[in-house]
Amino acid sequence: MANTTNFSVRMDSDIKKQCEALYGELGMTLTTAINVFLRQSLRVGGFPFDVKIDIPNAVTIAAMKEAESIARDPSVKRYSDVEEALRELKR
């Protein structure tokens, strides 16, 4: 038998219930699901999924606002297609 140990995790009780129901539908306990997560973390050398904030940074937000402003500005030169814009850039 594998050498096992116990550990405690504090979590929101509603999250625990929802996860137990979810993993129960998959035929496993929450303990098994946690072990799968930990083993996969070891296999990939970190989180087994992307951990990121999908909020653009200040520079990106400023660029998006500038693009919106340009798109609404009637004085900005418009092009009918990409080729026309490229010809203009080559002048």
PDB file of N, CA and C in Angstrom:
ATOM      1  N   MET A   1       0.838  -1.185   0.000  1.00  0.00           N
ATOM      2  CA  MET A   1       0.000   0.000   0.000  1.00  0.00           C
ATOM      3  C   MET A   1       0.876   1.238   0.000  1.00  0.00           C
ATOM      4  N   ALA A   2       0.436   2.266  -0.700  1.00  0.00           N
ATOM      5  CA  ALA A   2       1.199   3.514  -0.803  1.00  0.00           C
ATOM      6  C   ALA A   2       1.259   4.204   0.551  1.00  0.00           C
ATOM      7  N   ASN A   3       2.347   4.900   0.770  1.00  0.00           N
ATOM      8  CA  ASN A   3       2.507   5.692   1.983  1.00  0.00           C
ATOM      9  C   ASN A   3       1.625   6.928   1.861  1.00  0.00           C
ATOM     10  N   THR A   4       0.588   7.053   2.678  1.00  0.00           N
ATOM     11  CA  THR A   4      -0.350   8.167   2.562  1.00  0.00           C
ATOM     12  C   THR A   4      -0.292   9.049   3.785  1.00  0.00           C
ATOM     13  N   THR A   5      -0.831  10.249   3.635  1.00  0.00           N
ATOM     14  CA  THR A   5      -0.911  11.204   4.733  1.00  0.00           C
ATOM     15  C   THR A   5      -2.213  11.966   4.609  1.00  0.00           C
ATOM     16  N   ASN A   6      -2.640  12.569   5.671  1.00  0.00           N
ATOM     17  CA  ASN A   6      -3.844  13.397   5.672  1.00  0.00           C
ATOM     18  C   ASN A   6      -3.446  14.864   5.683  1.00  0.00           C
ATOM     19  N   PHE A   7      -4.258  15.701   5.061  1.00  0.00           N
ATOM     20  CA  PHE A   7      -4.079  17.134   5.191  1.00  0.00           C
ATOM     21  C   PHE A   7      -5.449  17.786   5.199  1.00  0.00           C
ATOM     22  N   SER A   8      -5.536  18.943   5.803  1.00  0.00           N
ATOM     23  CA  SER A   8      -6.807  19.668   5.906  1.00  0.00           C
ATOM     24  C   SER A   8      -6.783  20.870   4.988  1.00  0.00           C
ATOM     25  N   VAL A   9      -7.925  21.146   4.392  1.00  0.00           N
ATOM     26  CA  VAL A   9      -8.076  22.300   3.515  1.00  0.00           C
ATOM     27  C   VAL A   9      -9.321  23.045   3.953  1.00  0.00           C
ATOM     28  N   ARG A  10      -9.183  24.337   4.150  1.00  0.00           N
ATOM     29  CA  ARG A  10     -10.353  25.161   4.460  1.00  0.00           C
ATOM     30  C   ARG A  10     -10.931  25.651   3.139  1.00  0.00           C
ATOM     31  N   MET A  11     -12.249  25.477   2.992  1.00  0.00           N
ATOM     32  CA  MET A  11     -12.905  25.947   1.777  1.00  0.00           C
ATOM     33  C   MET A  11     -14.342  26.301   2.086  1.00  0.00           C
ATOM     34  N   ASP A  12     -14.918  27.055   1.226  1.00  0.00           N
ATOM     35  CA  ASP A  12     -16.322  27.432   1.332  1.00  0.00           C
ATOM     36  C   ASP A  12     -17.163  26.153   1.277  1.00  0.00           C
ATOM     37  N   SER A  13     -18.096  26.015   2.198  1.00  0.00           N
ATOM     38  CA  SER A  13     -18.877  24.778   2.273  1.00  0.00           C
ATOM     39  C   SER A  13     -19.742  24.570   1.033  1.00  0.00           C
ATOM     40  N   ASP A  14     -20.241  25.654   0.435  1.00  0.00           N
ATOM     41  CA  ASP A  14     -21.038  25.502  -0.784  1.00  0.00           C
ATOM     42  C   ASP A  14     -20.178  25.016  -1.944  1.00  0.00           C
ATOM     43  N   ILE A  15     -18.955  25.527  -2.054  1.00  0.00           N
ATOM     44  CA  ILE A  15     -18.041  25.077  -3.103  1.00  0.00           C
ATOM     45  C   ILE A  15     -17.754  23.588  -2.919  1.00  0.00           C
ATOM     46  N   LYS A  16     -17.519  23.180  -1.674  1.00  0.00           N
ATOM     47  CA  LYS A  16     -17.241  21.768  -1.395  1.00  0.00           C
ATOM     48  C   LYS A  16     -18.411  20.891  -1.833  1.00  0.00           C
ATOM     49  N   LYS A  17     -19.619  21.286  -1.479  1.00  0.00           N
ATOM     50  CA  LYS A  17     -20.800  20.504  -1.855  1.00  0.00           C
ATOM     51  C   LYS A  17     -20.948  20.421  -3.374  1.00  0.00           C
ATOM     52  N   GLN A  18     -20.744  21.544  -4.055  1.00  0.00           N
ATOM     53  CA  GLN A  18     -20.869  21.554  -5.512  1.00  0.00           C
ATOM     54  C   GLN A  18     -19.814  20.660  -6.160  1.00  0.00           C
ATOM     55  N   CYS A  19     -18.590  20.720  -5.641  1.00  0.00           N
ATOM     56  CA  CYS A  19     -17.513  19.896  -6.195  1.00  0.00           C
ATOM     57  C   CYS A  19     -17.741  18.418  -5.901  1.00  0.00           C
ATOM     58  N   GLU A  20     -18.220  18.115  -4.704  1.00  0.00           N
ATOM     59  CA  GLU A  20     -18.526  16.708  -4.389  1.00  0.00           C
ATOM     60  C   GLU A  20     -19.586  16.181  -5.343  1.00  0.00           C
ATOM     61  N   ALA A  21     -20.591  16.992  -5.648  1.00  0.00           N
ATOM     62  CA  ALA A  21     -21.637  16.567  -6.582  1.00  0.00           C
ATOM     63  C   ALA A  21     -21.062  16.399  -7.988  1.00  0.00           C
ATOM     64  N   LEU A  22     -20.259  17.345  -8.425  1.00  0.00           N
ATOM     65  CA  LEU A  22     -19.655  17.281  -9.756  1.00  0.00           C
ATOM     66  C   LEU A  22     -18.784  16.045  -9.908  1.00  0.00           C
ATOM     67  N   TYR A  23     -17.851  15.862  -8.980  1.00  0.00           N
ATOM     68  CA  TYR A  23     -16.943  14.722  -9.090  1.00  0.00           C
ATOM     69  C   TYR A  23     -17.659  13.403  -8.834  1.00  0.00           C
ATOM     70  N   GLY A  24     -18.725  13.444  -8.039  1.00  0.00           N
ATOM     71  CA  GLY A  24     -19.542  12.248  -7.851  1.00  0.00           C
ATOM     72  C   GLY A  24     -20.165  11.799  -9.163  1.00  0.00           C
ATOM     73  N   GLU A  25     -20.600  12.768  -9.974  1.00  0.00           N
ATOM     74  CA  GLU A  25     -21.148  12.438 -11.294  1.00  0.00           C
ATOM     75  C   GLU A  25     -20.083  11.823 -12.203  1.00  0.00           C
ATOM     76  N   LEU A  26     -18.831  12.155 -11.932  1.00  0.00           N
ATOM     77  CA  LEU A  26     -17.726  11.588 -12.708  1.00  0.00           C
ATOM     78  C   LEU A  26     -17.221  10.276 -12.103  1.00  0.00           C
ATOM     79  N   GLY A  27     -17.847   9.857 -11.009  1.00  0.00           N
ATOM     80  CA  GLY A  27     -17.499   8.578 -10.403  1.00  0.00           C
ATOM     81  C   GLY A  27     -16.304   8.628  -9.470  1.00  0.00           C
ATOM     82  N   MET A  28     -16.034   9.794  -8.914  1.00  0.00           N
ATOM     83  CA  MET A  28     -14.905   9.879  -7.982  1.00  0.00           C
ATOM     84  C   MET A  28     -15.246  10.770  -6.806  1.00  0.00           C
ATOM     85  N   THR A  29     -14.473  10.613  -5.757  1.00  0.00           N
ATOM     86  CA  THR A  29     -14.639  11.440  -4.573  1.00  0.00           C
ATOM     87  C   THR A  29     -13.844  12.729  -4.739  1.00  0.00           C
ATOM     88  N   LEU A  30     -14.097  13.663  -3.850  1.00  0.00           N
ATOM     89  CA  LEU A  30     -13.335  14.912  -3.856  1.00  0.00           C
ATOM     90  C   LEU A  30     -11.860  14.620  -3.580  1.00  0.00           C
ATOM     91  N   THR A  31     -11.575  13.672  -2.723  1.00  0.00           N
ATOM     92  CA  THR A  31     -10.189  13.279  -2.435  1.00  0.00           C
ATOM     93  C   THR A  31      -9.504  12.772  -3.698  1.00  0.00           C
ATOM     94  N   THR A  32     -10.195  11.926  -4.459  1.00  0.00           N
ATOM     95  CA  THR A  32      -9.624  11.422  -5.706  1.00  0.00           C
ATOM     96  C   THR A  32      -9.376  12.565  -6.682  1.00  0.00           C
ATOM     97  N   ALA A  33     -10.331  13.489  -6.785  1.00  0.00           N
ATOM     98  CA  ALA A  33     -10.176  14.630  -7.698  1.00  0.00           C
ATOM     99  C   ALA A  33      -8.978  15.483  -7.303  1.00  0.00           C
ATOM    100  N   ILE A  34      -8.792  15.706  -6.014  1.00  0.00           N
ATOM    101  CA  ILE A  34      -7.640  16.482  -5.541  1.00  0.00           C
ATOM    102  C   ILE A  34      -6.340  15.751  -5.870  1.00  0.00           C
ATOM    103  N   ASN A  35      -6.329  14.439  -5.700  1.00  0.00           N
ATOM    104  CA  ASN A  35      -5.135  13.664  -6.046  1.00  0.00           C
ATOM    105  C   ASN A  35      -4.838  13.727  -7.549  1.00  0.00           C
ATOM    106  N   VAL A  36      -5.885  13.703  -8.372  1.00  0.00           N
ATOM    107  CA  VAL A  36      -5.690  13.842  -9.821  1.00  0.00           C
ATOM    108  C   VAL A  36      -5.063  15.197 -10.118  1.00  0.00           C
ATOM    109  N   PHE A  37      -5.605  16.247  -9.495  1.00  0.00           N
ATOM    110  CA  PHE A  37      -5.062  17.594  -9.683  1.00  0.00           C
ATOM    111  C   PHE A  37      -3.587  17.649  -9.292  1.00  0.00           C
ATOM    112  N   LEU A  38      -3.247  17.103  -8.131  1.00  0.00           N
ATOM    113  CA  LEU A  38      -1.865  17.158  -7.646  1.00  0.00           C
ATOM    114  C   LEU A  38      -0.921  16.353  -8.542  1.00  0.00           C
ATOM    115  N   ARG A  39      -1.344  15.172  -8.960  1.00  0.00           N
ATOM    116  CA  ARG A  39      -0.500  14.358  -9.858  1.00  0.00           C
ATOM    117  C   ARG A  39      -0.286  15.050 -11.204  1.00  0.00           C
ATOM    118  N   GLN A  40      -1.354  15.642 -11.730  1.00  0.00           N
ATOM    119  CA  GLN A  40      -1.225  16.358 -13.002  1.00  0.00           C
ATOM    120  C   GLN A  40      -0.327  17.585 -12.835  1.00  0.00           C
ATOM    121  N   SER A  41      -0.387  18.244 -11.688  1.00  0.00           N
ATOM    122  CA  SER A  41       0.499  19.376 -11.404  1.00  0.00           C
ATOM    123  C   SER A  41       1.960  18.947 -11.449  1.00  0.00           C
ATOM    124  N   LEU A  42       2.252  17.786 -10.867  1.00  0.00           N
ATOM    125  CA  LEU A  42       3.619  17.255 -10.907  1.00  0.00           C
ATOM    126  C   LEU A  42       4.028  16.904 -12.332  1.00  0.00           C
ATOM    127  N   ARG A  43       3.101  16.347 -13.086  1.00  0.00           N
ATOM    128  CA  ARG A  43       3.390  15.928 -14.455  1.00  0.00           C
ATOM    129  C   ARG A  43       3.756  17.120 -15.345  1.00  0.00           C
ATOM    130  N   VAL A  44       3.025  18.246 -15.190  1.00  0.00           N
ATOM    131  CA  VAL A  44       3.265  19.400 -16.059  1.00  0.00           C
ATOM    132  C   VAL A  44       4.198  20.433 -15.434  1.00  0.00           C
ATOM    133  N   GLY A  45       4.540  20.253 -14.175  1.00  0.00           N
ATOM    134  CA  GLY A  45       5.451  21.187 -13.516  1.00  0.00           C
ATOM    135  C   GLY A  45       4.792  22.493 -13.095  1.00  0.00           C
ATOM    136  N   GLY A  46       3.548  22.442 -12.725  1.00  0.00           N
ATOM    137  CA  GLY A  46       2.815  23.641 -12.285  1.00  0.00           C
ATOM    138  C   GLY A  46       1.330  23.368 -12.317  1.00  0.00           C
ATOM    139  N   PHE A  47       0.564  24.446 -12.366  1.00  0.00           N
ATOM    140  CA  PHE A  47      -0.878  24.271 -12.467  1.00  0.00           C
ATOM    141  C   PHE A  47      -1.206  23.537 -13.768  1.00  0.00           C
ATOM    142  N   PRO A  48      -2.128  22.601 -13.727  1.00  0.00           N
ATOM    143  CA  PRO A  48      -2.470  21.866 -14.949  1.00  0.00           C
ATOM    144  C   PRO A  48      -3.467  22.623 -15.830  1.00  0.00           C
ATOM    145  N   PHE A  49      -3.541  23.923 -15.645  1.00  0.00           N
ATOM    146  CA  PHE A  49      -4.394  24.794 -16.445  1.00  0.00           C
ATOM    147  C   PHE A  49      -3.840  26.199 -16.323  1.00  0.00           C
ATOM    148  N   ASP A  50      -4.259  27.082 -17.243  1.00  0.00           N
ATOM    149  CA  ASP A  50      -3.792  28.463 -17.198  1.00  0.00           C
ATOM    150  C   ASP A  50      -4.372  29.170 -15.988  1.00  0.00           C
ATOM    151  N   VAL A  51      -3.519  29.882 -15.270  1.00  0.00           N
ATOM    152  CA  VAL A  51      -3.954  30.729 -14.169  1.00  0.00           C
ATOM    153  C   VAL A  51      -3.594  32.140 -14.583  1.00  0.00           C
ATOM    154  N   LYS A  52      -4.609  32.916 -14.884  1.00  0.00           N
ATOM    155  CA  LYS A  52      -4.343  34.256 -15.385  1.00  0.00           C
ATOM    156  C   LYS A  52      -5.511  35.177 -15.098  1.00  0.00           C
ATOM    157  N   ILE A  53      -5.233  36.442 -15.204  1.00  0.00           N
ATOM    158  CA  ILE A  53      -6.252  37.462 -15.081  1.00  0.00           C
ATOM    159  C   ILE A  53      -6.554  37.929 -16.500  1.00  0.00           C
ATOM    160  N   ASP A  54      -7.793  37.806 -16.908  1.00  0.00           N
ATOM    161  CA  ASP A  54      -8.167  38.168 -18.263  1.00  0.00           C
ATOM    162  C   ASP A  54      -8.550  39.643 -18.392  1.00  0.00           C
ATOM    163  N   ILE A  55      -7.997  40.464 -17.519  1.00  0.00           N
ATOM    164  CA  ILE A  55      -8.255  41.895 -17.571  1.00  0.00           C
ATOM    165  C   ILE A  55      -7.076  42.548 -18.286  1.00  0.00           C
ATOM    166  N   PRO A  56      -7.339  43.320 -19.336  1.00  0.00           N
ATOM    167  CA  PRO A  56      -6.225  43.969 -20.036  1.00  0.00           C
ATOM    168  C   PRO A  56      -5.487  44.947 -19.124  1.00  0.00           C
ATOM    169  N   ASN A  57      -4.193  45.100 -19.372  1.00  0.00           N
ATOM    170  CA  ASN A  57      -3.416  46.046 -18.575  1.00  0.00           C
ATOM    171  C   ASN A  57      -3.700  47.470 -19.046  1.00  0.00           C
ATOM    172  N   ALA A  58      -3.136  48.459 -18.363  1.00  0.00           N
ATOM    173  CA  ALA A  58      -3.416  49.864 -18.643  1.00  0.00           C
ATOM    174  C   ALA A  58      -3.029  50.265 -20.067  1.00  0.00           C
ATOM    175  N   VAL A  59      -1.918  49.762 -20.559  1.00  0.00           N
ATOM    176  CA  VAL A  59      -1.473  50.098 -21.918  1.00  0.00           C
ATOM    177  C   VAL A  59      -2.472  49.569 -22.946  1.00  0.00           C
ATOM    178  N   THR A  60      -2.926  48.341 -22.756  1.00  0.00           N
ATOM    179  CA  THR A  60      -3.889  47.748 -23.685  1.00  0.00           C
ATOM    180  C   THR A  60      -5.219  48.498 -23.634  1.00  0.00           C
ATOM    181  N   ILE A  61      -5.666  48.853 -22.439  1.00  0.00           N
ATOM    182  CA  ILE A  61      -6.918  49.604 -22.303  1.00  0.00           C
ATOM    183  C   ILE A  61      -6.808  50.947 -23.019  1.00  0.00           C
ATOM    184  N   ALA A  62      -5.675  51.632 -22.855  1.00  0.00           N
ATOM    185  CA  ALA A  62      -5.466  52.915 -23.534  1.00  0.00           C
ATOM    186  C   ALA A  62      -5.488  52.732 -25.047  1.00  0.00           C
ATOM    187  N   ALA A  63      -4.862  51.675 -25.555  1.00  0.00           N
ATOM    188  CA  ALA A  63      -4.845  51.414 -26.995  1.00  0.00           C
ATOM    189  C   ALA A  63      -6.251  51.113 -27.509  1.00  0.00           C
ATOM    190  N   MET A  64      -7.031  50.378 -26.736  1.00  0.00           N
ATOM    191  CA  MET A  64      -8.399  50.060 -27.133  1.00  0.00           C
ATOM    192  C   MET A  64      -9.255  51.326 -27.191  1.00  0.00           C
ATOM    193  N   LYS A  65      -9.082  52.207 -26.212  1.00  0.00           N
ATOM    194  CA  LYS A  65      -9.827  53.472 -26.205  1.00  0.00           C
ATOM    195  C   LYS A  65      -9.423  54.344 -27.389  1.00  0.00           C
ATOM    196  N   GLU A  66      -8.139  54.364 -27.686  1.00  0.00           N
ATOM    197  CA  GLU A  66      -7.662  55.133 -28.832  1.00  0.00           C
ATOM    198  C   GLU A  66      -8.251  54.587 -30.134  1.00  0.00           C
ATOM    199  N   ALA A  67      -8.272  53.271 -30.273  1.00  0.00           N
ATOM    200  CA  ALA A  67      -8.840  52.649 -31.473  1.00  0.00           C
ATOM    201  C   ALA A  67     -10.323  52.972 -31.612  1.00  0.00           C
ATOM    202  N   GLU A  68     -11.056  52.940 -30.508  1.00  0.00           N
ATOM    203  CA  GLU A  68     -12.478  53.280 -30.538  1.00  0.00           C
ATOM    204  C   GLU A  68     -12.677  54.730 -30.948  1.00  0.00           C
ATOM    205  N   SER A  69     -11.835  55.605 -30.426  1.00  0.00           N
ATOM    206  CA  SER A  69     -11.914  57.025 -30.763  1.00  0.00           C
ATOM    207  C   SER A  69     -11.642  57.249 -32.242  1.00  0.00           C
ATOM    208  N   ILE A  70     -10.621  56.597 -32.762  1.00  0.00           N
ATOM    209  CA  ILE A  70     -10.278  56.721 -34.181  1.00  0.00           C
ATOM    210  C   ILE A  70     -11.425  56.193 -35.045  1.00  0.00           C
ATOM    211  N   ALA A  71     -12.017  55.085 -34.646  1.00  0.00           N
ATOM    212  CA  ALA A  71     -13.103  54.484 -35.425  1.00  0.00           C
ATOM    213  C   ALA A  71     -14.320  55.399 -35.497  1.00  0.00           C
ATOM    214  N   ARG A  72     -14.540  56.209 -34.463  1.00  0.00           N
ATOM    215  CA  ARG A  72     -15.704  57.114 -34.442  1.00  0.00           C
ATOM    216  C   ARG A  72     -15.422  58.474 -35.068  1.00  0.00           C
ATOM    217  N   ASP A  73     -14.166  58.788 -35.294  1.00  0.00           N
ATOM    218  CA  ASP A  73     -13.771  60.105 -35.790  1.00  0.00           C
ATOM    219  C   ASP A  73     -14.038  60.198 -37.297  1.00  0.00           C
ATOM    220  N   PRO A  74     -14.983  61.067 -37.717  1.00  0.00           N
ATOM    221  CA  PRO A  74     -15.300  61.160 -39.146  1.00  0.00           C
ATOM    222  C   PRO A  74     -14.186  61.791 -39.985  1.00  0.00           C
ATOM    223  N   SER A  75     -13.224  62.456 -39.335  1.00  0.00           N
ATOM    224  CA  SER A  75     -12.151  63.094 -40.096  1.00  0.00           C
ATOM    225  C   SER A  75     -11.006  62.141 -40.432  1.00  0.00           C
ATOM    226  N   VAL A  76     -11.034  60.947 -39.868  1.00  0.00           N
ATOM    227  CA  VAL A  76      -9.977  59.968 -40.124  1.00  0.00           C
ATOM    228  C   VAL A  76     -10.185  59.354 -41.505  1.00  0.00           C
ATOM    229  N   LYS A  77      -9.099  59.312 -42.292  1.00  0.00           N
ATOM    230  CA  LYS A  77      -9.172  58.757 -43.646  1.00  0.00           C
ATOM    231  C   LYS A  77      -9.571  57.281 -43.579  1.00  0.00           C
ATOM    232  N   ARG A  78     -10.484  56.888 -44.453  1.00  0.00           N
ATOM    233  CA  ARG A  78     -10.959  55.515 -44.524  1.00  0.00           C
ATOM    234  C   ARG A  78     -10.436  54.867 -45.801  1.00  0.00           C
ATOM    235  N   TYR A  79     -10.291  53.547 -45.765  1.00  0.00           N
ATOM    236  CA  TYR A  79      -9.832  52.789 -46.918  1.00  0.00           C
ATOM    237  C   TYR A  79     -10.873  51.744 -47.254  1.00  0.00           C
ATOM    238  N   SER A  80     -11.012  51.454 -48.539  1.00  0.00           N
ATOM    239  CA  SER A  80     -12.022  50.477 -48.957  1.00  0.00           C
ATOM    240  C   SER A  80     -11.540  49.043 -48.767  1.00  0.00           C
ATOM    241  N   ASP A  81     -10.201  48.854 -48.748  1.00  0.00           N
ATOM    242  CA  ASP A  81      -9.660  47.515 -48.528  1.00  0.00           C
ATOM    243  C   ASP A  81      -8.214  47.616 -48.050  1.00  0.00           C
ATOM    244  N   VAL A  82      -7.649  46.501 -47.671  1.00  0.00           N
ATOM    245  CA  VAL A  82      -6.285  46.460 -47.124  1.00  0.00           C
ATOM    246  C   VAL A  82      -5.263  46.903 -48.159  1.00  0.00           C
ATOM    247  N   GLU A  83      -5.465  46.494 -49.399  1.00  0.00           N
ATOM    248  CA  GLU A  83      -4.510  46.857 -50.459  1.00  0.00           C
ATOM    249  C   GLU A  83      -4.407  48.371 -50.604  1.00  0.00           C
ATOM    250  N   GLU A  84      -5.532  49.040 -50.552  1.00  0.00           N
ATOM    251  CA  GLU A  84      -5.525  50.513 -50.634  1.00  0.00           C
ATOM    252  C   GLU A  84      -4.744  51.119 -49.474  1.00  0.00           C
ATOM    253  N   ALA A  85      -4.944  50.594 -48.284  1.00  0.00           N
ATOM    254  CA  ALA A  85      -4.221  51.097 -47.101  1.00  0.00           C
ATOM    255  C   ALA A  85      -2.724  50.831 -47.243  1.00  0.00           C
ATOM    256  N   LEU A  86      -2.359  49.670 -47.746  1.00  0.00           N
ATOM    257  CA  LEU A  86      -0.926  49.351 -47.927  1.00  0.00           C
ATOM    258  C   LEU A  86      -0.282  50.257 -48.977  1.00  0.00           C
ATOM    259  N   ARG A  87      -1.013  50.544 -50.060  1.00  0.00           N
ATOM    260  CA  ARG A  87      -0.470  51.458 -51.078  1.00  0.00           C
ATOM    261  C   ARG A  87      -0.215  52.835 -50.454  1.00  0.00           C
ATOM    262  N   GLU A  88      -1.133  53.267 -49.600  1.00  0.00           N
ATOM    263  CA  GLU A  88      -0.976  54.558 -48.935  1.00  0.00           C
ATOM    264  C   GLU A  88       0.253  54.559 -48.020  1.00  0.00           C
ATOM    265  N   LEU A  89       0.478  53.452 -47.333  1.00  0.00           N
ATOM    266  CA  LEU A  89       1.646  53.350 -46.443  1.00  0.00           C
ATOM    267  C   LEU A  89       2.967  53.382 -47.216  1.00  0.00           C
ATOM    268  N   LYS A  90       2.979  52.886 -48.430  1.00  0.00           N
ATOM    269  CA  LYS A  90       4.208  52.818 -49.227  1.00  0.00           C
ATOM    270  C   LYS A  90       4.585  54.170 -49.832  1.00  0.00           C
ATOM    271  N   ARG A  91       3.727  55.158 -49.786  1.00  0.00           N
ATOM    272  CA  ARG A  91       4.036  56.480 -50.352  1.00  0.00           C
ATOM    273  C   ARG A  91       5.070  57.193 -49.548  1.00  0.00           C
TER     274      ARG A  91
END
